[in-house]
Amino acid sequence: MLPGSNLANALADLGYDLRPELDGERILPHAIVEKFARNSDGSLGILTEGSTNKVTTVVTHAGIVKTRRFSFDLPQGG
């Protein structure tokens, strides 16, 4: 699961005994987000942190993200 996810807590609250495993990596299709503003000449310029310019275009790209991994036993059905 991605860092910041509450899934581990939700599963533990449901009674699952989660065991941390080694962290991993995954390629997500929209991991990188770039925000652009329209320049006075009509071209697009990348917005910087704290910019007050209006966002006119948002572009996403695939990227590698760190993940936290856990294992747990499945309940025996019957």
N, C-alpha and C. Protein backbone atom coordinates (compact mmCIF):
# COMPACT_ATOMS: atom_id res chain seq x y z
N MET A 1 0.83 -1.16 0.00
CA MET A 1 0.00 0.00 0.00
C MET A 1 0.88 1.23 0.00
N LEU A 2 0.32 2.32 -0.47
CA LEU A 2 1.08 3.56 -0.56
C LEU A 2 1.22 4.19 0.82
N PRO A 3 2.36 4.86 1.06
CA PRO A 3 2.51 5.58 2.33
C PRO A 3 1.36 6.56 2.52
N GLY A 4 0.87 6.65 3.75
CA GLY A 4 -0.25 7.52 4.05
C GLY A 4 -1.60 6.83 3.94
N SER A 5 -1.61 5.61 3.41
CA SER A 5 -2.87 4.87 3.28
C SER A 5 -3.32 4.39 4.66
N ASN A 6 -4.62 4.38 4.88
CA ASN A 6 -5.19 3.89 6.15
C ASN A 6 -5.63 2.44 6.06
N LEU A 7 -5.34 1.77 4.96
CA LEU A 7 -5.79 0.40 4.77
C LEU A 7 -5.26 -0.54 5.84
N ALA A 8 -4.00 -0.40 6.23
CA ALA A 8 -3.44 -1.29 7.25
C ALA A 8 -4.21 -1.15 8.56
N ASN A 9 -4.53 0.07 8.96
CA ASN A 9 -5.29 0.28 10.19
C ASN A 9 -6.70 -0.29 10.06
N ALA A 10 -7.32 -0.10 8.91
CA ALA A 10 -8.67 -0.62 8.70
C ALA A 10 -8.69 -2.14 8.77
N LEU A 11 -7.71 -2.79 8.17
CA LEU A 11 -7.63 -4.26 8.22
C LEU A 11 -7.37 -4.74 9.65
N ALA A 12 -6.48 -4.07 10.36
CA ALA A 12 -6.21 -4.44 11.76
C ALA A 12 -7.46 -4.28 12.61
N ASP A 13 -8.23 -3.21 12.36
CA ASP A 13 -9.48 -3.00 13.10
C ASP A 13 -10.49 -4.11 12.84
N LEU A 14 -10.38 -4.74 11.66
CA LEU A 14 -11.28 -5.85 11.32
C LEU A 14 -10.78 -7.19 11.86
N GLY A 15 -9.63 -7.15 12.56
CA GLY A 15 -9.11 -8.36 13.19
C GLY A 15 -8.01 -9.07 12.44
N TYR A 16 -7.55 -8.52 11.33
CA TYR A 16 -6.45 -9.15 10.59
C TYR A 16 -5.14 -8.91 11.33
N ASP A 17 -4.33 -9.95 11.42
CA ASP A 17 -3.02 -9.87 12.07
C ASP A 17 -1.99 -9.54 10.99
N LEU A 18 -1.72 -8.26 10.79
CA LEU A 18 -0.80 -7.83 9.73
C LEU A 18 0.65 -7.96 10.19
N ARG A 19 1.47 -8.49 9.29
CA ARG A 19 2.91 -8.60 9.53
C ARG A 19 3.65 -7.78 8.47
N PRO A 20 4.43 -6.82 8.90
CA PRO A 20 5.17 -6.01 7.93
C PRO A 20 6.15 -6.87 7.12
N GLU A 21 6.24 -6.61 5.84
CA GLU A 21 7.20 -7.25 4.95
C GLU A 21 8.15 -6.17 4.44
N LEU A 22 9.12 -6.56 3.63
CA LEU A 22 10.03 -5.57 3.05
C LEU A 22 9.26 -4.59 2.18
N ASP A 23 9.66 -3.32 2.21
CA ASP A 23 9.02 -2.33 1.36
C ASP A 23 9.29 -2.67 -0.11
N GLY A 24 8.44 -2.18 -0.98
CA GLY A 24 8.58 -2.46 -2.40
C GLY A 24 8.40 -1.21 -3.23
N GLU A 25 8.33 -1.41 -4.53
CA GLU A 25 8.09 -0.32 -5.47
C GLU A 25 7.07 -0.78 -6.49
N ARG A 26 6.28 0.15 -6.98
CA ARG A 26 5.29 -0.14 -8.01
C ARG A 26 5.31 1.00 -9.02
N ILE A 27 4.97 0.68 -10.25
CA ILE A 27 4.81 1.70 -11.28
C ILE A 27 3.33 2.05 -11.34
N LEU A 28 3.01 3.30 -11.07
CA LEU A 28 1.64 3.77 -11.13
C LEU A 28 1.47 4.70 -12.34
N PRO A 29 0.34 4.60 -13.04
CA PRO A 29 0.17 5.37 -14.27
C PRO A 29 0.07 6.88 -14.07
N HIS A 30 -0.26 7.35 -12.87
CA HIS A 30 -0.43 8.78 -12.66
C HIS A 30 0.35 9.27 -11.43
N ALA A 31 1.55 8.71 -11.23
CA ALA A 31 2.33 9.04 -10.04
C ALA A 31 2.94 10.44 -10.09
N ILE A 32 3.25 10.92 -11.28
CA ILE A 32 3.87 12.24 -11.44
C ILE A 32 2.83 13.20 -11.97
N VAL A 33 2.65 14.32 -11.28
CA VAL A 33 1.67 15.32 -11.69
C VAL A 33 2.41 16.63 -11.95
N GLU A 34 2.23 17.19 -13.15
CA GLU A 34 2.82 18.48 -13.49
C GLU A 34 1.69 19.47 -13.77
N LYS A 35 1.79 20.65 -13.19
CA LYS A 35 0.78 21.69 -13.38
C LYS A 35 1.40 22.82 -14.19
N PHE A 36 0.65 23.27 -15.20
CA PHE A 36 1.14 24.32 -16.09
C PHE A 36 0.21 25.52 -16.07
N ALA A 37 0.79 26.69 -16.34
CA ALA A 37 0.03 27.92 -16.52
C ALA A 37 0.33 28.44 -17.93
N ARG A 38 -0.61 29.14 -18.49
CA ARG A 38 -0.42 29.72 -19.83
C ARG A 38 0.39 31.01 -19.70
N ASN A 39 1.50 31.10 -20.45
CA ASN A 39 2.32 32.31 -20.47
C ASN A 39 1.67 33.36 -21.37
N SER A 40 2.15 34.58 -21.29
CA SER A 40 1.57 35.68 -22.09
C SER A 40 1.68 35.42 -23.59
N ASP A 41 2.69 34.65 -24.02
CA ASP A 41 2.83 34.35 -25.45
C ASP A 41 2.04 33.11 -25.87
N GLY A 42 1.27 32.53 -24.93
CA GLY A 42 0.44 31.37 -25.25
C GLY A 42 1.09 30.03 -24.95
N SER A 43 2.39 30.03 -24.69
CA SER A 43 3.07 28.78 -24.36
C SER A 43 2.73 28.36 -22.93
N LEU A 44 3.05 27.12 -22.61
CA LEU A 44 2.80 26.62 -21.25
C LEU A 44 4.09 26.69 -20.44
N GLY A 45 3.97 27.10 -19.19
CA GLY A 45 5.10 27.13 -18.28
C GLY A 45 4.77 26.32 -17.04
N ILE A 46 5.75 25.58 -16.54
CA ILE A 46 5.55 24.75 -15.35
C ILE A 46 5.39 25.66 -14.13
N LEU A 47 4.39 25.38 -13.33
CA LEU A 47 4.19 26.14 -12.10
C LEU A 47 5.16 25.65 -11.03
N THR A 48 5.69 26.58 -10.28
CA THR A 48 6.58 26.22 -9.19
C THR A 48 5.80 26.23 -7.88
N GLU A 49 6.36 25.62 -6.87
CA GLU A 49 5.74 25.56 -5.54
C GLU A 49 5.45 26.97 -5.05
N GLY A 50 4.23 27.23 -4.63
CA GLY A 50 3.85 28.52 -4.09
C GLY A 50 3.43 29.55 -5.14
N SER A 51 3.42 29.15 -6.41
CA SER A 51 3.03 30.07 -7.47
C SER A 51 1.56 30.47 -7.32
N THR A 52 1.24 31.72 -7.65
CA THR A 52 -0.15 32.19 -7.57
C THR A 52 -0.81 32.21 -8.95
N ASN A 53 -0.08 31.78 -9.99
CA ASN A 53 -0.67 31.73 -11.33
C ASN A 53 -1.76 30.66 -11.39
N LYS A 54 -2.73 30.89 -12.26
CA LYS A 54 -3.84 29.96 -12.42
C LYS A 54 -3.38 28.72 -13.21
N VAL A 55 -3.73 27.54 -12.71
CA VAL A 55 -3.42 26.29 -13.40
C VAL A 55 -4.33 26.18 -14.62
N THR A 56 -3.72 26.01 -15.81
CA THR A 56 -4.52 25.86 -17.02
C THR A 56 -4.47 24.44 -17.58
N THR A 57 -3.43 23.70 -17.26
CA THR A 57 -3.28 22.34 -17.77
C THR A 57 -2.61 21.46 -16.71
N VAL A 58 -3.11 20.25 -16.53
CA VAL A 58 -2.50 19.28 -15.63
C VAL A 58 -2.14 18.05 -16.46
N VAL A 59 -0.87 17.63 -16.36
CA VAL A 59 -0.39 16.46 -17.10
C VAL A 59 0.12 15.44 -16.09
N THR A 60 -0.26 14.17 -16.29
CA THR A 60 0.24 13.11 -15.41
C THR A 60 1.09 12.14 -16.21
N HIS A 61 2.03 11.51 -15.52
CA HIS A 61 2.95 10.55 -16.13
C HIS A 61 3.07 9.34 -15.21
N ALA A 62 3.45 8.23 -15.79
CA ALA A 62 3.75 7.05 -14.98
C ALA A 62 5.01 7.32 -14.16
N GLY A 63 5.08 6.69 -13.00
CA GLY A 63 6.26 6.85 -12.16
C GLY A 63 6.35 5.73 -11.15
N ILE A 64 7.53 5.57 -10.59
CA ILE A 64 7.78 4.54 -9.59
C ILE A 64 7.55 5.14 -8.21
N VAL A 65 6.75 4.45 -7.40
CA VAL A 65 6.48 4.90 -6.05
C VAL A 65 6.84 3.81 -5.05
N LYS A 66 7.23 4.23 -3.86
CA LYS A 66 7.53 3.30 -2.77
C LYS A 66 6.22 2.78 -2.19
N THR A 67 6.19 1.53 -1.80
CA THR A 67 5.01 0.96 -1.18
C THR A 67 5.39 0.25 0.11
N ARG A 68 4.44 0.17 1.02
CA ARG A 68 4.60 -0.62 2.24
C ARG A 68 3.86 -1.93 2.00
N ARG A 69 4.46 -3.04 2.40
CA ARG A 69 3.82 -4.33 2.17
C ARG A 69 3.62 -5.05 3.50
N PHE A 70 2.50 -5.78 3.57
CA PHE A 70 2.15 -6.55 4.75
C PHE A 70 1.67 -7.91 4.28
N SER A 71 1.76 -8.88 5.15
CA SER A 71 1.16 -10.19 4.89
C SER A 71 0.21 -10.51 6.04
N PHE A 72 -0.74 -11.40 5.76
CA PHE A 72 -1.68 -11.83 6.78
C PHE A 72 -2.26 -13.16 6.34
N ASP A 73 -2.74 -13.92 7.31
CA ASP A 73 -3.36 -15.20 7.02
C ASP A 73 -4.83 -14.99 6.68
N LEU A 74 -5.30 -15.73 5.70
CA LEU A 74 -6.72 -15.67 5.36
C LEU A 74 -7.50 -16.56 6.31
N PRO A 75 -8.70 -16.13 6.68
CA PRO A 75 -9.51 -16.97 7.58
C PRO A 75 -9.86 -18.29 6.89
N GLN A 76 -9.94 -19.34 7.67
CA GLN A 76 -10.31 -20.65 7.13
C GLN A 76 -11.81 -20.66 6.86
N GLY A 77 -12.20 -20.95 5.63
CA GLY A 77 -13.62 -21.02 5.28
C GLY A 77 -14.18 -22.42 5.56
N GLY A 78 -15.47 -22.52 5.58
CA GLY A 78 -16.00 -23.84 5.81
C GLY A 78 -17.45 -23.95 5.84
